[in-house]
N, C-alpha and C. Protein backbone atom coordinates (compact mmCIF):
# COMPACT_ATOMS: atom_id res chain seq x y z
N UNK A 1 1.26 -19.70 -3.38
CA UNK A 1 2.03 -20.71 -3.43
C UNK A 1 3.29 -20.84 -2.65
N UNK A 2 2.87 -21.71 -1.51
CA UNK A 2 3.96 -21.68 -0.54
C UNK A 2 4.67 -22.72 -0.36
N UNK A 3 6.05 -22.28 -0.16
CA UNK A 3 6.87 -23.51 -0.35
C UNK A 3 7.43 -23.48 1.23
N UNK A 4 7.99 -24.87 1.82
CA UNK A 4 8.43 -24.85 3.01
C UNK A 4 9.98 -24.62 2.90
N UNK A 5 10.35 -23.95 3.82
CA UNK A 5 11.96 -23.70 4.06
C UNK A 5 12.79 -24.42 5.11
N UNK A 6 13.75 -25.19 4.67
CA UNK A 6 14.27 -25.88 5.56
C UNK A 6 15.62 -25.14 5.94
N UNK A 7 15.54 -24.90 7.30
CA UNK A 7 16.87 -24.08 7.61
C UNK A 7 16.93 -24.39 9.06
N UNK A 8 18.08 -25.48 9.17
CA UNK A 8 18.51 -25.91 10.49
C UNK A 8 18.71 -24.87 11.77
N UNK A 9 19.53 -23.80 11.07
CA UNK A 9 20.01 -22.68 11.81
C UNK A 9 18.93 -21.84 12.60
N UNK A 10 17.83 -21.85 12.01
CA UNK A 10 16.91 -20.75 12.29
C UNK A 10 16.26 -20.89 13.66
N UNK A 11 16.11 -20.05 14.34
CA UNK A 11 15.58 -19.89 15.79
C UNK A 11 14.26 -19.15 15.79
N UNK A 12 13.61 -19.15 16.79
CA UNK A 12 12.43 -18.15 16.73
C UNK A 12 12.69 -16.92 16.86
N UNK A 13 13.98 -16.58 17.40
CA UNK A 13 14.08 -15.14 17.62
C UNK A 13 14.85 -14.75 16.28
N UNK A 14 15.13 -15.24 15.57
CA UNK A 14 15.64 -14.72 14.31
C UNK A 14 14.61 -14.61 13.19
N UNK A 15 13.33 -14.77 13.53
CA UNK A 15 12.04 -14.64 12.54
C UNK A 15 11.65 -13.22 12.38
N UNK A 16 11.48 -12.71 11.17
CA UNK A 16 10.62 -11.29 11.20
C UNK A 16 9.29 -11.52 10.48
N UNK A 17 8.34 -11.11 11.62
CA UNK A 17 7.06 -11.19 10.81
C UNK A 17 6.47 -9.74 10.51
N UNK A 18 5.90 -9.70 9.16
CA UNK A 18 5.75 -8.35 8.60
C UNK A 18 4.08 -8.34 8.49
N UNK A 19 3.51 -7.22 8.68
CA UNK A 19 2.18 -6.79 8.64
C UNK A 19 2.58 -5.80 7.77
N UNK A 20 2.30 -6.01 6.24
CA UNK A 20 2.36 -5.47 5.20
C UNK A 20 1.54 -4.17 4.79
N UNK A 21 1.72 -3.42 4.15
CA UNK A 21 0.88 -2.24 3.99
C UNK A 21 -0.84 -2.80 3.73
N UNK A 22 -1.43 -2.14 3.92
CA UNK A 22 -2.78 -2.34 3.63
C UNK A 22 -3.29 -3.34 4.64
N UNK A 23 -2.63 -4.25 5.24
CA UNK A 23 -3.05 -5.13 6.04
C UNK A 23 -3.41 -4.60 7.37
N UNK A 24 -4.62 -5.11 8.09
CA UNK A 24 -4.86 -4.52 9.37
C UNK A 24 -5.26 -5.90 10.29
N UNK A 25 -4.57 -5.97 11.40
CA UNK A 25 -4.82 -7.16 12.28
C UNK A 25 -5.15 -6.32 13.58
N UNK A 26 -6.38 -7.03 13.96
CA UNK A 26 -6.94 -6.73 15.07
C UNK A 26 -6.98 -7.67 16.23
N UNK A 27 -6.31 -7.43 17.30
CA UNK A 27 -6.06 -8.68 18.33
C UNK A 27 -4.35 -8.47 18.49
N UNK A 28 -3.57 -8.91 19.64
CA UNK A 28 -2.38 -9.03 20.04
C UNK A 28 -1.67 -10.05 19.23
N UNK A 29 -0.57 -9.16 18.94
CA UNK A 29 0.88 -10.04 18.55
C UNK A 29 2.02 -10.38 19.38
N UNK A 30 2.44 -11.51 19.21
CA UNK A 30 3.40 -12.03 20.03
C UNK A 30 4.43 -12.81 19.28
N UNK A 31 5.61 -12.81 19.52
CA UNK A 31 6.69 -13.17 18.83
C UNK A 31 8.11 -13.24 19.64
N UNK A 32 8.88 -14.18 19.49
CA UNK A 32 10.22 -14.24 20.28
C UNK A 32 10.77 -13.65 19.05
N UNK A 33 10.56 -13.34 18.13
CA UNK A 33 11.50 -12.45 17.26
C UNK A 33 11.35 -11.07 16.88
N UNK A 34 11.25 -10.87 15.64
CA UNK A 34 11.32 -9.44 15.33
C UNK A 34 9.64 -8.90 14.66
N UNK A 35 8.81 -8.23 14.89
CA UNK A 35 7.53 -7.78 13.95
C UNK A 35 7.76 -6.26 13.55
N UNK A 36 7.43 -6.30 11.95
CA UNK A 36 7.61 -4.96 11.19
C UNK A 36 6.29 -4.65 11.01
N UNK A 37 5.87 -3.60 11.21
CA UNK A 37 4.46 -3.11 11.10
C UNK A 37 4.48 -2.07 9.73
N UNK A 38 3.79 -2.50 8.65
CA UNK A 38 3.77 -1.54 7.40
C UNK A 38 2.35 -0.89 7.61
N UNK A 39 1.65 -1.86 8.03
CA UNK A 39 0.00 -1.69 7.92
C UNK A 39 -0.50 -1.21 9.30
N UNK A 40 -1.49 -1.61 9.75
CA UNK A 40 -1.79 -1.11 11.09
C UNK A 40 -2.31 -2.60 12.51
N UNK A 41 -2.15 -2.00 13.52
CA UNK A 41 -2.64 -3.01 14.51
C UNK A 41 -3.36 -2.66 15.54
N UNK A 42 -4.36 -2.98 15.64
CA UNK A 42 -5.09 -2.78 17.03
C UNK A 42 -5.30 -3.61 17.95
N UNK A 43 -4.26 -3.57 18.96
CA UNK A 43 -3.84 -4.60 19.82
C UNK A 43 -2.56 -4.15 20.38
N UNK A 44 -2.22 -5.11 21.57
CA UNK A 44 -0.76 -5.12 21.97
C UNK A 44 0.24 -5.99 20.96
N UNK A 45 1.47 -5.51 20.85
CA UNK A 45 2.62 -6.11 20.40
C UNK A 45 3.58 -6.55 21.55
N UNK A 46 3.99 -7.89 21.53
CA UNK A 46 5.14 -8.18 22.65
C UNK A 46 6.16 -8.97 21.55
N UNK A 47 7.17 -8.20 21.54
CA UNK A 47 8.44 -9.01 20.49
C UNK A 47 9.52 -9.38 21.23
N UNK A 48 9.99 -10.56 21.42
CA UNK A 48 11.47 -10.86 22.26
C UNK A 48 12.47 -10.07 21.92
N UNK A 49 12.77 -9.80 20.48
CA UNK A 49 13.84 -9.05 20.07
C UNK A 49 13.78 -7.75 19.44
N UNK A 50 12.70 -7.17 18.63
CA UNK A 50 12.59 -5.77 18.26
C UNK A 50 11.23 -5.59 17.64
N UNK A 51 10.72 -4.52 17.53
CA UNK A 51 9.28 -3.92 16.98
C UNK A 51 9.96 -2.85 16.06
N UNK A 52 9.13 -2.98 14.54
CA UNK A 52 9.75 -1.75 13.93
C UNK A 52 8.57 -1.35 13.07
N UNK A 53 8.11 0.03 13.44
CA UNK A 53 6.91 0.50 12.92
C UNK A 53 7.21 1.28 11.95
N UNK A 54 6.97 1.03 10.45
CA UNK A 54 7.39 1.86 9.27
C UNK A 54 6.55 3.43 9.32
N UNK A 55 7.09 3.76 8.19
CA UNK A 55 6.67 5.33 8.09
C UNK A 55 5.05 5.17 8.05
N UNK A 56 4.46 4.45 7.23
CA UNK A 56 3.15 4.52 7.01
C UNK A 56 2.13 3.55 8.30
N UNK A 57 2.98 2.91 9.05
CA UNK A 57 2.62 1.88 10.13
C UNK A 57 1.77 2.72 11.36
N UNK A 58 0.66 2.06 12.04
CA UNK A 58 0.09 2.56 13.27
C UNK A 58 -0.38 1.23 14.03
N UNK A 59 0.19 1.65 15.27
CA UNK A 59 -0.24 0.61 16.34
C UNK A 59 -1.32 1.59 17.43
N UNK A 60 -2.48 0.90 17.54
CA UNK A 60 -3.25 1.43 18.68
C UNK A 60 -3.43 0.47 19.52
N UNK A 61 -2.17 0.24 20.55
CA UNK A 61 -2.17 -0.57 21.65
C UNK A 61 -0.92 -0.46 22.34
N UNK A 62 -0.34 -1.34 22.85
CA UNK A 62 1.01 -1.19 23.81
C UNK A 62 2.05 -2.10 23.16
N UNK A 63 3.18 -1.53 23.29
CA UNK A 63 4.44 -2.31 22.55
C UNK A 63 5.14 -2.71 23.72
N UNK A 64 5.84 -3.91 23.95
CA UNK A 64 7.02 -4.49 24.82
C UNK A 64 7.77 -5.17 23.82
N UNK A 65 8.87 -4.71 24.06
CA UNK A 65 9.99 -5.28 23.12
C UNK A 65 11.37 -5.01 24.05
N UNK A 66 12.52 -5.51 23.25
CA UNK A 66 13.80 -5.18 23.72
C UNK A 66 14.35 -3.86 22.98
N UNK A 67 14.28 -3.78 21.65
CA UNK A 67 14.67 -2.84 20.70
C UNK A 67 13.67 -2.42 19.80
N UNK A 68 13.30 -1.02 19.77
CA UNK A 68 12.04 -0.46 18.74
C UNK A 68 12.92 0.48 17.94
N UNK A 69 12.03 0.62 16.60
CA UNK A 69 12.36 1.68 15.63
C UNK A 69 11.06 2.01 15.25
N UNK A 70 10.70 3.14 15.52
CA UNK A 70 9.45 3.83 15.06
C UNK A 70 9.63 4.78 14.19
N UNK A 71 9.02 4.51 12.97
CA UNK A 71 8.84 5.80 12.15
C UNK A 71 7.55 6.09 11.65
N UNK A 72 6.59 5.61 12.40
CA UNK A 72 5.12 5.73 12.10
C UNK A 72 4.31 6.05 13.15
N UNK A 73 3.05 5.78 13.59
CA UNK A 73 2.50 6.73 14.73
C UNK A 73 2.22 5.27 15.68
N UNK A 74 1.98 5.62 17.06
CA UNK A 74 1.78 4.53 18.25
C UNK A 74 1.13 5.37 18.85
N UNK A 75 0.02 4.69 19.24
CA UNK A 75 -1.03 5.15 20.34
C UNK A 75 -1.16 4.33 21.54
N UNK A 76 -0.43 4.54 22.61
CA UNK A 76 -0.37 3.55 23.48
C UNK A 76 0.96 3.63 24.34
N UNK A 77 1.45 2.66 25.16
CA UNK A 77 2.41 2.33 25.80
C UNK A 77 3.35 1.86 25.06
N UNK A 78 4.92 2.43 25.39
CA UNK A 78 5.72 1.77 24.62
C UNK A 78 6.84 1.57 25.64
N UNK A 79 7.42 0.34 25.64
CA UNK A 79 8.55 -0.11 26.45
C UNK A 79 9.57 -0.94 25.53
N UNK A 80 10.82 -0.30 25.70
CA UNK A 80 12.11 -0.86 24.83
C UNK A 80 13.00 -1.02 26.10
N UNK A 81 12.98 -2.29 26.33
CA UNK A 81 14.03 -2.70 27.58
C UNK A 81 15.43 -2.25 27.22
N UNK A 82 15.72 -2.00 26.02
CA UNK A 82 17.23 -1.90 25.56
C UNK A 82 17.13 -0.48 24.81
N UNK A 83 16.44 -0.49 23.66
CA UNK A 83 17.26 0.79 22.79
C UNK A 83 15.42 1.24 22.06
N UNK A 84 15.10 2.55 22.18
CA UNK A 84 14.16 2.96 21.24
C UNK A 84 14.78 4.31 20.49
N UNK A 85 14.55 3.91 19.12
CA UNK A 85 14.78 5.12 18.23
C UNK A 85 13.41 5.65 17.68
N UNK A 86 13.08 6.67 17.75
CA UNK A 86 11.98 7.68 17.17
C UNK A 86 12.67 8.25 15.93
N UNK A 87 12.24 8.00 14.62
CA UNK A 87 12.70 8.63 13.62
C UNK A 87 11.96 9.98 13.36
N UNK A 88 12.36 10.80 12.20
CA UNK A 88 12.00 12.15 12.38
C UNK A 88 10.33 11.93 11.82
N UNK A 89 9.85 11.14 11.49
CA UNK A 89 8.49 10.89 10.87
C UNK A 89 7.63 10.16 11.71
N UNK A 90 8.12 10.00 13.23
CA UNK A 90 7.51 9.38 14.37
C UNK A 90 6.50 10.06 14.84
N UNK A 91 5.40 9.37 15.54
CA UNK A 91 4.26 10.35 16.31
C UNK A 91 3.99 9.34 17.23
N UNK A 92 4.38 9.31 18.66
CA UNK A 92 3.87 8.52 19.74
C UNK A 92 2.94 9.48 20.83
N UNK A 93 1.92 8.78 21.10
CA UNK A 93 0.88 9.40 21.92
C UNK A 93 0.82 8.48 23.12
N UNK A 94 1.69 8.70 24.55
CA UNK A 94 1.30 7.64 25.33
C UNK A 94 2.49 7.72 26.28
N UNK A 95 2.73 6.83 26.95
CA UNK A 95 3.94 6.58 27.99
C UNK A 95 4.97 5.90 27.02
N UNK A 96 6.17 6.31 27.44
CA UNK A 96 7.30 5.50 26.91
C UNK A 96 8.33 5.24 28.32
N UNK A 97 8.64 4.03 28.06
CA UNK A 97 9.76 3.28 28.94
C UNK A 97 10.81 2.83 28.17
N UNK A 98 12.02 3.34 28.22
CA UNK A 98 13.23 2.86 27.51
C UNK A 98 14.24 2.94 28.59
N UNK A 99 15.22 2.24 28.06
CA UNK A 99 16.99 2.23 28.73
C UNK A 99 17.51 3.37 28.20
N UNK A 100 17.41 3.13 26.74
CA UNK A 100 18.10 4.48 25.88
C UNK A 100 17.13 4.71 24.99
N UNK A 101 17.34 6.00 24.48
CA UNK A 101 16.30 6.64 23.43
C UNK A 101 16.98 7.63 22.81
N UNK A 102 16.68 7.53 21.41
CA UNK A 102 17.21 8.46 20.46
C UNK A 102 15.89 9.19 19.65
N UNK A 103 15.76 10.34 19.55
CA UNK A 103 14.46 11.10 19.27
C UNK A 103 15.11 12.05 17.80
N UNK A 104 14.90 11.72 16.69
CA UNK A 104 15.40 12.59 15.73
C UNK A 104 14.62 13.82 15.59
N UNK A 105 15.31 14.75 15.17
CA UNK A 105 14.58 16.06 14.86
C UNK A 105 13.07 15.92 14.11
N UNK A 106 11.81 16.34 14.39
CA UNK A 106 10.78 16.15 13.63
C UNK A 106 9.81 15.08 14.29
N UNK A 107 10.64 14.26 15.00
CA UNK A 107 9.61 13.40 15.64
C UNK A 107 8.79 13.90 16.78
N UNK A 108 7.59 13.43 16.84
CA UNK A 108 6.80 13.91 18.02
C UNK A 108 6.34 12.89 19.15
N UNK A 109 6.60 13.33 20.20
CA UNK A 109 6.52 12.53 21.40
C UNK A 109 5.67 13.33 22.51
N UNK A 110 4.26 12.82 22.69
CA UNK A 110 3.31 13.39 23.59
C UNK A 110 2.93 12.36 24.54
N UNK A 111 3.46 12.63 25.71
CA UNK A 111 3.15 11.73 27.03
C UNK A 111 4.52 11.83 27.97
N UNK A 112 4.34 10.58 28.60
CA UNK A 112 5.48 10.86 29.76
C UNK A 112 6.57 9.71 29.43
N UNK A 113 7.66 9.93 29.89
CA UNK A 113 8.66 9.19 29.27
C UNK A 113 9.69 8.98 30.78
N UNK A 114 10.32 7.51 30.70
CA UNK A 114 10.92 7.14 31.86
C UNK A 114 12.36 6.57 31.23
N UNK A 115 13.35 7.04 31.51
CA UNK A 115 14.53 6.10 31.13
C UNK A 115 15.43 5.84 32.47
N UNK A 116 16.35 4.75 32.13
CA UNK A 116 17.27 4.41 33.19
C UNK A 116 17.49 2.86 32.83
N UNK A 117 18.57 2.50 33.54
CA UNK A 117 19.16 1.07 33.74
C UNK A 117 18.16 0.20 34.14
N UNK A 118 17.21 0.28 35.14
CA UNK A 118 16.40 -0.37 35.72
C UNK A 118 15.18 -0.69 34.66
N UNK A 119 15.14 -0.42 33.78
CA UNK A 119 13.67 -0.20 32.90
C UNK A 119 12.94 -1.92 33.25
N UNK A 120 13.81 -2.65 32.61
CA UNK A 120 13.50 -3.92 32.45
C UNK A 120 13.00 -4.74 33.84
N UNK A 121 13.65 -4.27 34.73
CA UNK A 121 13.25 -4.83 36.15
C UNK A 121 12.04 -4.12 36.78
N UNK A 122 11.75 -3.20 36.20
CA UNK A 122 10.75 -1.91 36.74
C UNK A 122 9.39 -2.81 35.95
N UNK A 123 9.62 -3.20 34.66
CA UNK A 123 8.33 -3.62 33.64
C UNK A 123 8.27 -5.00 33.98
N UNK A 124 9.25 -5.81 34.57
CA UNK A 124 8.93 -7.28 34.98
C UNK A 124 8.02 -7.16 36.38
N UNK A 125 8.05 -6.39 37.17
CA UNK A 125 7.44 -6.25 38.26
C UNK A 125 5.85 -5.80 37.93
N UNK A 126 5.46 -5.43 36.82
CA UNK A 126 4.31 -4.88 36.52
C UNK A 126 3.91 -3.44 36.71
N UNK A 127 4.97 -2.75 37.43
CA UNK A 127 4.73 -1.33 37.72
C UNK A 127 5.24 -0.20 36.91
N UNK A 128 4.15 0.92 36.90
CA UNK A 128 4.38 1.74 35.82
C UNK A 128 5.27 2.82 36.35
N UNK A 129 5.95 3.78 35.74
CA UNK A 129 6.70 4.54 36.38
C UNK A 129 6.21 5.44 37.30
N UNK A 130 4.83 5.74 37.25
CA UNK A 130 4.12 6.63 38.33
C UNK A 130 4.08 5.76 39.67
N UNK A 131 4.15 4.44 39.58
CA UNK A 131 4.11 3.82 40.73
C UNK A 131 5.09 3.57 41.53
N UNK A 132 6.59 3.40 40.94
CA UNK A 132 7.76 3.39 41.12
C UNK A 132 8.40 4.52 41.17
N UNK A 133 8.72 5.14 42.87
CA UNK A 133 9.08 6.61 42.95
C UNK A 133 10.24 6.55 42.87
N UNK A 134 11.36 5.57 42.78
CA UNK A 134 12.71 5.59 42.77
C UNK A 134 13.24 6.40 41.88
N UNK A 135 14.41 7.07 41.87
CA UNK A 135 15.08 7.82 40.49
C UNK A 135 15.57 6.68 39.76
N UNK A 136 15.60 6.97 38.26
CA UNK A 136 16.06 6.38 37.44
C UNK A 136 17.64 5.90 37.31
N UNK A 137 18.13 7.02 37.71
CA UNK A 137 19.54 7.26 37.49
C UNK A 137 20.65 7.07 39.22
N UNK A 138 19.47 6.75 40.10
CA UNK A 138 20.13 6.55 41.42
C UNK A 138 20.92 7.83 42.06
N UNK A 139 20.29 9.21 41.66
CA UNK A 139 20.90 10.32 42.04
C UNK A 139 22.15 10.75 41.55
N UNK A 140 22.65 10.52 40.41
CA UNK A 140 23.63 10.88 39.86
C UNK A 140 23.89 12.46 39.24
N UNK A 141 24.82 13.00 38.99
CA UNK A 141 24.76 14.32 38.28
C UNK A 141 23.72 14.43 37.37
N UNK A 142 23.24 15.45 37.09
CA UNK A 142 22.37 15.76 35.88
C UNK A 142 23.06 15.76 34.71
N UNK A 143 22.67 15.05 33.76
CA UNK A 143 23.48 14.88 32.49
C UNK A 143 24.38 13.78 32.16
N UNK A 144 24.26 13.01 33.43
CA UNK A 144 25.17 11.66 33.40
C UNK A 144 24.31 10.60 33.26
N UNK A 145 24.95 9.38 32.85
CA UNK A 145 23.90 8.34 32.92
C UNK A 145 24.81 7.19 34.14
N UNK A 146 24.55 6.04 34.03
CA UNK A 146 25.19 5.34 35.10
C UNK A 146 26.58 5.12 34.95
N UNK A 147 27.44 5.17 36.05
CA UNK A 147 28.59 5.03 36.01
C UNK A 147 29.28 6.28 35.49
N UNK A 148 28.53 7.48 35.53
CA UNK A 148 29.28 8.65 34.98
C UNK A 148 29.52 8.74 33.33
N UNK A 149 28.54 7.91 32.55
CA UNK A 149 28.57 7.81 31.33
C UNK A 149 28.01 8.89 30.93
N UNK A 150 28.28 9.55 29.50
CA UNK A 150 27.03 10.26 29.30
C UNK A 150 25.46 10.02 29.08
N UNK A 151 24.61 10.68 29.41
CA UNK A 151 23.13 10.50 29.36
C UNK A 151 22.95 9.87 27.93
N UNK A 152 21.94 8.55 27.87
CA UNK A 152 21.61 7.67 26.67
C UNK A 152 20.94 8.45 25.96
N UNK A 153 20.30 9.79 26.39
CA UNK A 153 19.28 10.68 25.17
C UNK A 153 20.34 11.44 24.71
N UNK A 154 19.99 11.59 23.34
CA UNK A 154 20.65 12.12 22.24
C UNK A 154 20.81 13.39 22.22
N UNK A 155 21.66 14.44 22.03
CA UNK A 155 21.65 15.82 22.28
C UNK A 155 22.64 16.33 23.36
N UNK A 156 22.69 17.39 23.51
CA UNK A 156 23.62 18.00 24.51
C UNK A 156 23.14 18.53 25.88
N UNK A 157 23.64 17.71 26.88
CA UNK A 157 23.13 18.31 28.13
C UNK A 157 23.41 19.40 28.84
N UNK A 158 22.64 20.21 29.53
CA UNK A 158 23.04 21.73 29.82
C UNK A 158 24.02 21.47 31.03
N UNK A 159 24.95 22.12 31.27
CA UNK A 159 25.61 21.96 32.57
C UNK A 159 25.02 22.74 33.74
N UNK A 160 25.16 21.96 34.88
CA UNK A 160 24.27 22.41 36.12
C UNK A 160 23.95 23.76 36.30
N UNK A 161 25.23 24.63 36.14
CA UNK A 161 25.25 26.18 36.26
C UNK A 161 24.30 26.74 35.13
N UNK A 162 23.99 26.17 34.00
CA UNK A 162 23.05 26.85 33.04
C UNK A 162 21.59 26.53 33.18
N UNK A 163 21.21 25.78 34.34
CA UNK A 163 20.12 25.26 34.75
C UNK A 163 19.13 26.46 35.69
């Protein structure tokens, strides 16, 4: 029983698409808005706004988005051009590229990680972090982000004399 909703202020980037529990999608998913995965996806996901993978969600493929919150499992590359949050129940097996990342205690990340301000520019060129040999932070002090701000990774960076 579907009902058509009339919302004059709705834009494509404000839409949330949900892949529910028990649902399996085989193929690529693309949206200007947000995709929430509570089931499983075998294929790539490209979302203009955000990707949320729930506690029981599983993605076997690449994810490209602005913001991502992962509570479930991802097997493949994950690119978050703005912010990535890996919750305590998350498990990532693959390459991670993010401008900022928060990894909660208990979260598992097996693979390579690249962080920095130029994440969006690098992914637009189609280069992987291994192909781009320029430093992500432009040679600033260890533990400092761009413009001397604290590192976007959560936690306490070690002082240079402690290394």
